[in-house]
Amino acid sequence: MVTRLKRRSLFMAMIMPMIASGCTENVATMSCRDVAREAVRVSKGALIKITQGHAETHTKRQIVCRGTGFYSNGSSVMTRYRAWLDEDNDIMIAYDTDEAQAAAEQQAEREEDRAIERAERETSDAIDAEMRKYQ
């Protein structure tokens, strides 16, 4: 059985061929529920369950889903999980939260940038108003 672990910002992403576990299912017929069940299994206890899953992409060779992942450390976070056929036609399973974390950080940065721009405009407007008084 081959398992590759990748360190992520807060959580681990696990990639494991399902073929090693005797799974002969075809990706084209898998649902997000099927992929979630396999992601929980390959997490070896780190991921407890995934709820509210929905497919973002579903082709003959891959299914990409998102849902709320509940982790053994007590956290719950938007989790991307997927199944795909690799170059050897083995079904691979992975899950991660990196994209969700990155999206949240980007949103926070955008909001901070907007706040800075707003403050700069207000300061500029206030200075302009004061300058007009002396003209």
N, C-alpha and C. Protein backbone atom coordinates (compact mmCIF):
# COMPACT_ATOMS: atom_id res chain seq x y z
N MET A 1 0.85 -1.17 0.00
CA MET A 1 0.00 0.00 0.00
C MET A 1 0.90 1.24 0.00
N VAL A 2 0.64 2.15 -0.91
CA VAL A 2 1.44 3.37 -1.03
C VAL A 2 0.65 4.52 -0.46
N THR A 3 1.26 5.27 0.43
CA THR A 3 0.63 6.46 0.99
C THR A 3 1.61 7.59 0.90
N ARG A 4 1.19 8.71 0.38
CA ARG A 4 2.04 9.89 0.33
C ARG A 4 1.37 10.98 1.16
N LEU A 5 2.10 11.58 2.07
CA LEU A 5 1.58 12.65 2.90
C LEU A 5 2.18 13.96 2.43
N LYS A 6 1.38 15.00 2.40
CA LYS A 6 1.86 16.34 2.08
C LYS A 6 1.48 17.24 3.24
N ARG A 7 2.43 17.98 3.77
CA ARG A 7 2.14 18.93 4.84
C ARG A 7 1.42 20.12 4.24
N ARG A 8 0.40 20.55 4.88
CA ARG A 8 -0.35 21.73 4.47
C ARG A 8 -0.27 22.75 5.58
N SER A 9 -0.86 23.92 5.36
CA SER A 9 -0.74 24.99 6.35
C SER A 9 -1.21 24.56 7.72
N LEU A 10 -2.37 23.96 7.82
CA LEU A 10 -2.89 23.55 9.13
C LEU A 10 -3.21 22.07 9.19
N PHE A 11 -3.46 21.47 8.07
CA PHE A 11 -3.91 20.09 8.04
C PHE A 11 -3.06 19.29 7.06
N MET A 12 -3.21 18.00 7.10
CA MET A 12 -2.52 17.13 6.16
C MET A 12 -3.44 16.79 5.01
N ALA A 13 -2.85 16.65 3.85
CA ALA A 13 -3.58 16.11 2.70
C ALA A 13 -3.07 14.70 2.50
N MET A 14 -3.96 13.78 2.32
CA MET A 14 -3.54 12.40 2.15
C MET A 14 -3.91 11.96 0.75
N ILE A 15 -3.01 11.27 0.14
CA ILE A 15 -3.25 10.71 -1.18
C ILE A 15 -2.97 9.23 -1.08
N MET A 16 -3.94 8.44 -1.48
CA MET A 16 -3.77 6.99 -1.37
C MET A 16 -4.52 6.31 -2.50
N PRO A 17 -3.88 5.36 -3.15
CA PRO A 17 -4.62 4.63 -4.18
C PRO A 17 -5.66 3.73 -3.53
N MET A 18 -6.87 3.80 -4.04
CA MET A 18 -7.93 2.94 -3.51
C MET A 18 -7.74 1.51 -3.96
N ILE A 19 -7.01 1.30 -5.04
CA ILE A 19 -6.81 -0.04 -5.55
C ILE A 19 -6.16 -0.94 -4.51
N ALA A 20 -5.31 -0.35 -3.66
CA ALA A 20 -4.62 -1.12 -2.63
C ALA A 20 -5.59 -1.68 -1.61
N SER A 21 -6.71 -1.00 -1.46
CA SER A 21 -7.68 -1.48 -0.47
C SER A 21 -8.71 -2.42 -1.10
N GLY A 22 -8.51 -2.74 -2.37
CA GLY A 22 -9.44 -3.65 -3.02
C GLY A 22 -10.62 -2.95 -3.65
N CYS A 23 -10.60 -1.63 -3.70
CA CYS A 23 -11.71 -0.89 -4.28
C CYS A 23 -11.62 -0.98 -5.80
N THR A 24 -12.67 -1.42 -6.44
CA THR A 24 -12.67 -1.53 -7.89
C THR A 24 -13.68 -0.58 -8.51
N GLU A 25 -14.14 0.37 -7.74
CA GLU A 25 -15.13 1.32 -8.20
C GLU A 25 -14.56 2.21 -9.29
N ASN A 26 -15.40 2.68 -10.18
CA ASN A 26 -15.01 3.57 -11.26
C ASN A 26 -15.28 5.00 -10.83
N VAL A 27 -14.35 5.91 -11.11
CA VAL A 27 -14.52 7.32 -10.73
C VAL A 27 -15.79 7.91 -11.34
N ALA A 28 -16.10 7.51 -12.55
CA ALA A 28 -17.28 8.05 -13.23
C ALA A 28 -18.57 7.77 -12.47
N THR A 29 -18.60 6.69 -11.70
CA THR A 29 -19.83 6.33 -10.97
C THR A 29 -19.79 6.74 -9.51
N MET A 30 -18.68 7.34 -9.07
CA MET A 30 -18.56 7.73 -7.66
C MET A 30 -19.35 9.01 -7.38
N SER A 31 -19.89 9.09 -6.18
CA SER A 31 -20.56 10.30 -5.71
C SER A 31 -19.65 10.99 -4.69
N CYS A 32 -19.99 12.22 -4.32
CA CYS A 32 -19.23 12.91 -3.28
C CYS A 32 -19.29 12.14 -1.97
N ARG A 33 -20.41 11.49 -1.71
CA ARG A 33 -20.53 10.68 -0.50
C ARG A 33 -19.51 9.53 -0.52
N ASP A 34 -19.34 8.89 -1.69
CA ASP A 34 -18.36 7.82 -1.82
C ASP A 34 -16.94 8.35 -1.57
N VAL A 35 -16.64 9.49 -2.17
CA VAL A 35 -15.29 10.06 -2.04
C VAL A 35 -15.06 10.49 -0.59
N ALA A 36 -16.07 11.08 0.04
CA ALA A 36 -15.94 11.49 1.45
C ALA A 36 -15.65 10.28 2.33
N ARG A 37 -16.36 9.21 2.10
CA ARG A 37 -16.15 7.98 2.89
C ARG A 37 -14.71 7.49 2.73
N GLU A 38 -14.19 7.52 1.52
CA GLU A 38 -12.81 7.08 1.28
C GLU A 38 -11.80 8.05 1.87
N ALA A 39 -12.09 9.36 1.80
CA ALA A 39 -11.18 10.36 2.38
C ALA A 39 -11.08 10.17 3.89
N VAL A 40 -12.20 9.91 4.54
CA VAL A 40 -12.19 9.65 5.99
C VAL A 40 -11.38 8.40 6.28
N ARG A 41 -11.55 7.38 5.46
CA ARG A 41 -10.83 6.12 5.68
C ARG A 41 -9.32 6.31 5.54
N VAL A 42 -8.88 7.02 4.50
CA VAL A 42 -7.44 7.17 4.30
C VAL A 42 -6.81 8.18 5.25
N SER A 43 -7.64 8.98 5.93
CA SER A 43 -7.10 9.98 6.87
C SER A 43 -6.55 9.35 8.14
N LYS A 44 -6.89 8.10 8.36
CA LYS A 44 -6.41 7.36 9.55
C LYS A 44 -6.75 8.09 10.85
N GLY A 45 -7.97 8.62 10.93
CA GLY A 45 -8.44 9.24 12.16
C GLY A 45 -8.33 10.75 12.22
N ALA A 46 -7.60 11.38 11.30
CA ALA A 46 -7.47 12.84 11.33
C ALA A 46 -8.77 13.52 10.92
N LEU A 47 -9.45 12.95 9.94
CA LEU A 47 -10.71 13.47 9.43
C LEU A 47 -11.82 12.56 9.92
N ILE A 48 -12.78 13.14 10.65
CA ILE A 48 -13.84 12.32 11.23
C ILE A 48 -14.99 12.11 10.25
N LYS A 49 -15.42 13.21 9.61
CA LYS A 49 -16.50 13.10 8.63
C LYS A 49 -16.53 14.35 7.77
N ILE A 50 -17.25 14.25 6.66
CA ILE A 50 -17.47 15.39 5.77
C ILE A 50 -18.97 15.48 5.53
N THR A 51 -19.53 16.66 5.73
CA THR A 51 -20.96 16.86 5.51
C THR A 51 -21.16 17.95 4.45
N GLN A 52 -22.38 18.06 3.98
CA GLN A 52 -22.79 19.08 3.01
C GLN A 52 -21.91 19.07 1.77
N GLY A 53 -21.54 17.88 1.33
CA GLY A 53 -20.68 17.76 0.16
C GLY A 53 -21.42 18.02 -1.13
N HIS A 54 -20.74 18.65 -2.04
CA HIS A 54 -21.28 18.88 -3.38
C HIS A 54 -20.15 18.81 -4.40
N ALA A 55 -20.47 18.34 -5.59
CA ALA A 55 -19.48 18.18 -6.64
C ALA A 55 -19.22 19.51 -7.34
N GLU A 56 -17.96 19.82 -7.51
CA GLU A 56 -17.57 20.98 -8.31
C GLU A 56 -17.26 20.55 -9.74
N THR A 57 -16.67 19.37 -9.87
CA THR A 57 -16.31 18.80 -11.17
C THR A 57 -16.56 17.31 -11.10
N HIS A 58 -17.13 16.77 -12.16
CA HIS A 58 -17.32 15.32 -12.21
C HIS A 58 -17.19 14.88 -13.66
N THR A 59 -16.09 14.21 -13.96
CA THR A 59 -15.84 13.68 -15.30
C THR A 59 -15.61 12.18 -15.19
N LYS A 60 -15.31 11.55 -16.30
CA LYS A 60 -15.02 10.12 -16.28
C LYS A 60 -13.75 9.81 -15.50
N ARG A 61 -12.82 10.78 -15.44
CA ARG A 61 -11.52 10.54 -14.81
C ARG A 61 -11.34 11.19 -13.46
N GLN A 62 -12.26 12.09 -13.06
CA GLN A 62 -12.10 12.70 -11.73
C GLN A 62 -13.41 13.27 -11.21
N ILE A 63 -13.48 13.34 -9.89
CA ILE A 63 -14.58 14.04 -9.21
C ILE A 63 -13.93 14.89 -8.12
N VAL A 64 -14.30 16.17 -8.11
CA VAL A 64 -13.80 17.11 -7.11
C VAL A 64 -15.00 17.63 -6.34
N CYS A 65 -14.94 17.50 -5.02
CA CYS A 65 -16.06 17.89 -4.16
C CYS A 65 -15.59 18.86 -3.09
N ARG A 66 -16.53 19.58 -2.52
CA ARG A 66 -16.29 20.44 -1.35
C ARG A 66 -17.37 20.15 -0.33
N GLY A 67 -16.97 20.24 0.92
CA GLY A 67 -17.91 20.05 2.01
C GLY A 67 -17.25 20.48 3.30
N THR A 68 -17.99 20.40 4.39
CA THR A 68 -17.44 20.76 5.69
C THR A 68 -16.79 19.53 6.30
N GLY A 69 -15.47 19.63 6.52
CA GLY A 69 -14.72 18.54 7.12
C GLY A 69 -14.64 18.73 8.63
N PHE A 70 -14.91 17.69 9.36
CA PHE A 70 -14.80 17.71 10.81
C PHE A 70 -13.56 16.89 11.18
N TYR A 71 -12.62 17.54 11.86
CA TYR A 71 -11.33 16.94 12.15
C TYR A 71 -11.22 16.52 13.61
N SER A 72 -10.32 15.58 13.87
CA SER A 72 -10.16 15.03 15.22
C SER A 72 -9.64 16.07 16.21
N ASN A 73 -9.07 17.18 15.73
CA ASN A 73 -8.60 18.22 16.64
C ASN A 73 -9.73 19.18 17.04
N GLY A 74 -10.96 18.86 16.62
CA GLY A 74 -12.12 19.66 17.00
C GLY A 74 -12.49 20.75 16.01
N SER A 75 -11.69 20.94 14.97
CA SER A 75 -12.00 21.99 14.01
C SER A 75 -12.95 21.48 12.93
N SER A 76 -13.65 22.41 12.34
CA SER A 76 -14.45 22.11 11.16
C SER A 76 -14.16 23.22 10.16
N VAL A 77 -13.85 22.82 8.94
CA VAL A 77 -13.43 23.78 7.93
C VAL A 77 -13.83 23.26 6.55
N MET A 78 -14.04 24.20 5.61
CA MET A 78 -14.35 23.81 4.25
C MET A 78 -13.20 22.95 3.72
N THR A 79 -13.54 21.81 3.19
CA THR A 79 -12.55 20.85 2.75
C THR A 79 -12.82 20.45 1.30
N ARG A 80 -11.76 20.44 0.52
CA ARG A 80 -11.84 19.95 -0.86
C ARG A 80 -11.37 18.50 -0.82
N TYR A 81 -12.13 17.61 -1.43
CA TYR A 81 -11.74 16.21 -1.49
C TYR A 81 -12.05 15.70 -2.89
N ARG A 82 -11.23 14.76 -3.33
CA ARG A 82 -11.37 14.35 -4.72
C ARG A 82 -10.90 12.93 -4.95
N ALA A 83 -11.36 12.39 -6.04
CA ALA A 83 -10.92 11.09 -6.53
C ALA A 83 -10.59 11.26 -8.00
N TRP A 84 -9.51 10.61 -8.45
CA TRP A 84 -9.15 10.70 -9.85
C TRP A 84 -8.39 9.45 -10.26
N LEU A 85 -8.35 9.24 -11.55
CA LEU A 85 -7.57 8.14 -12.09
C LEU A 85 -6.18 8.67 -12.40
N ASP A 86 -5.15 7.99 -11.87
CA ASP A 86 -3.78 8.41 -12.16
C ASP A 86 -3.32 7.80 -13.49
N GLU A 87 -2.05 7.99 -13.80
CA GLU A 87 -1.52 7.50 -15.07
C GLU A 87 -1.55 5.98 -15.19
N ASP A 88 -1.63 5.26 -14.07
CA ASP A 88 -1.73 3.80 -14.08
C ASP A 88 -3.18 3.32 -13.99
N ASN A 89 -4.12 4.27 -14.07
CA ASN A 89 -5.55 3.99 -13.93
C ASN A 89 -5.92 3.47 -12.56
N ASP A 90 -5.12 3.81 -11.54
CA ASP A 90 -5.49 3.56 -10.16
C ASP A 90 -6.34 4.73 -9.69
N ILE A 91 -7.34 4.44 -8.87
CA ILE A 91 -8.16 5.52 -8.30
C ILE A 91 -7.41 6.08 -7.10
N MET A 92 -7.17 7.39 -7.14
CA MET A 92 -6.47 8.08 -6.07
C MET A 92 -7.48 8.93 -5.30
N ILE A 93 -7.23 9.10 -4.00
CA ILE A 93 -8.10 9.88 -3.12
C ILE A 93 -7.23 10.94 -2.43
N ALA A 94 -7.74 12.16 -2.35
CA ALA A 94 -7.01 13.21 -1.63
C ALA A 94 -8.02 14.15 -0.98
N TYR A 95 -7.58 14.80 0.08
CA TYR A 95 -8.37 15.86 0.69
C TYR A 95 -7.42 16.92 1.19
N ASP A 96 -7.87 18.15 1.22
CA ASP A 96 -7.04 19.22 1.75
C ASP A 96 -7.90 20.43 2.12
N THR A 97 -7.31 21.30 2.89
CA THR A 97 -7.98 22.53 3.29
C THR A 97 -7.17 23.75 2.88
N ASP A 98 -6.08 23.55 2.21
CA ASP A 98 -5.21 24.65 1.81
C ASP A 98 -5.93 25.69 1.00
N GLU A 99 -6.72 25.25 0.02
CA GLU A 99 -7.43 26.20 -0.83
C GLU A 99 -8.43 27.02 -0.03
N ALA A 100 -9.12 26.37 0.88
CA ALA A 100 -10.08 27.10 1.71
C ALA A 100 -9.37 28.13 2.56
N GLN A 101 -8.24 27.74 3.13
CA GLN A 101 -7.46 28.67 3.95
C GLN A 101 -6.94 29.82 3.11
N ALA A 102 -6.42 29.51 1.92
CA ALA A 102 -5.90 30.55 1.03
C ALA A 102 -7.01 31.50 0.60
N ALA A 103 -8.19 30.97 0.32
CA ALA A 103 -9.31 31.82 -0.08
C ALA A 103 -9.70 32.77 1.06
N ALA A 104 -9.72 32.26 2.28
CA ALA A 104 -10.04 33.11 3.44
C ALA A 104 -9.00 34.20 3.64
N GLU A 105 -7.72 33.84 3.47
CA GLU A 105 -6.66 34.83 3.61
C GLU A 105 -6.73 35.89 2.51
N GLN A 106 -7.03 35.46 1.28
CA GLN A 106 -7.17 36.42 0.18
C GLN A 106 -8.33 37.36 0.42
N GLN A 107 -9.44 36.84 0.93
CA GLN A 107 -10.60 37.68 1.23
C GLN A 107 -10.24 38.70 2.31
N ALA A 108 -9.53 38.27 3.35
CA ALA A 108 -9.12 39.19 4.41
C ALA A 108 -8.19 40.27 3.86
N GLU A 109 -7.28 39.88 2.98
CA GLU A 109 -6.38 40.87 2.36
C GLU A 109 -7.14 41.87 1.51
N ARG A 110 -8.12 41.38 0.74
CA ARG A 110 -8.94 42.29 -0.08
C ARG A 110 -9.70 43.29 0.80
N GLU A 111 -10.26 42.80 1.89
CA GLU A 111 -10.99 43.68 2.80
C GLU A 111 -10.05 44.70 3.43
N GLU A 112 -8.86 44.28 3.81
CA GLU A 112 -7.87 45.20 4.38
C GLU A 112 -7.45 46.25 3.35
N ASP A 113 -7.23 45.82 2.10
CA ASP A 113 -6.88 46.76 1.03
C ASP A 113 -7.99 47.79 0.82
N ARG A 114 -9.24 47.34 0.82
CA ARG A 114 -10.38 48.26 0.66
C ARG A 114 -10.44 49.26 1.81
N ALA A 115 -10.19 48.79 3.02
CA ALA A 115 -10.20 49.68 4.19
C ALA A 115 -9.10 50.73 4.08
N ILE A 116 -7.92 50.33 3.62
CA ILE A 116 -6.81 51.26 3.45
C ILE A 116 -7.15 52.29 2.38
N GLU A 117 -7.69 51.84 1.25
CA GLU A 117 -8.08 52.76 0.18
C GLU A 117 -9.13 53.74 0.66
N ARG A 118 -10.10 53.25 1.41
CA ARG A 118 -11.16 54.12 1.95
C ARG A 118 -10.55 55.16 2.89
N ALA A 119 -9.64 54.75 3.75
CA ALA A 119 -9.00 55.68 4.68
C ALA A 119 -8.18 56.72 3.93
N GLU A 120 -7.48 56.29 2.88
CA GLU A 120 -6.70 57.24 2.07
C GLU A 120 -7.61 58.25 1.38
N ARG A 121 -8.74 57.79 0.83
CA ARG A 121 -9.70 58.70 0.19
C ARG A 121 -10.25 59.71 1.19
N GLU A 122 -10.63 59.21 2.36
CA GLU A 122 -11.18 60.10 3.39
C GLU A 122 -10.15 61.13 3.84
N THR A 123 -8.92 60.71 3.99
CA THR A 123 -7.85 61.64 4.39
C THR A 123 -7.62 62.68 3.30
N SER A 124 -7.57 62.21 2.06
CA SER A 124 -7.37 63.12 0.92
C SER A 124 -8.52 64.12 0.82
N ASP A 125 -9.74 63.64 0.99
CA ASP A 125 -10.92 64.52 0.93
C ASP A 125 -10.87 65.56 2.05
N ALA A 126 -10.46 65.13 3.24
CA ALA A 126 -10.37 66.05 4.37
C ALA A 126 -9.30 67.11 4.12
N ILE A 127 -8.16 66.71 3.58
CA ILE A 127 -7.10 67.67 3.27
C ILE A 127 -7.57 68.65 2.20
N ASP A 128 -8.23 68.13 1.15
CA ASP A 128 -8.76 68.99 0.09
C ASP A 128 -9.74 70.01 0.65
N ALA A 129 -10.61 69.57 1.54
CA ALA A 129 -11.59 70.47 2.15
C ALA A 129 -10.90 71.57 2.93
N GLU A 130 -9.86 71.23 3.68
CA GLU A 130 -9.11 72.23 4.44
C GLU A 130 -8.38 73.20 3.54
N MET A 131 -7.82 72.68 2.45
CA MET A 131 -7.09 73.55 1.51
C MET A 131 -8.02 74.55 0.84
N ARG A 132 -9.26 74.14 0.57
CA ARG A 132 -10.23 75.04 -0.06
C ARG A 132 -10.57 76.22 0.83
N LYS A 133 -10.48 76.02 2.13
CA LYS A 133 -10.77 77.10 3.08
C LYS A 133 -9.79 78.25 2.93
N TYR A 134 -8.58 77.95 2.50
CA TYR A 134 -7.53 78.97 2.44
C TYR A 134 -7.36 79.53 1.03
N GLN A 135 -8.21 79.16 0.11
CA GLN A 135 -8.11 79.70 -1.25
C GLN A 135 -8.94 80.93 -1.41
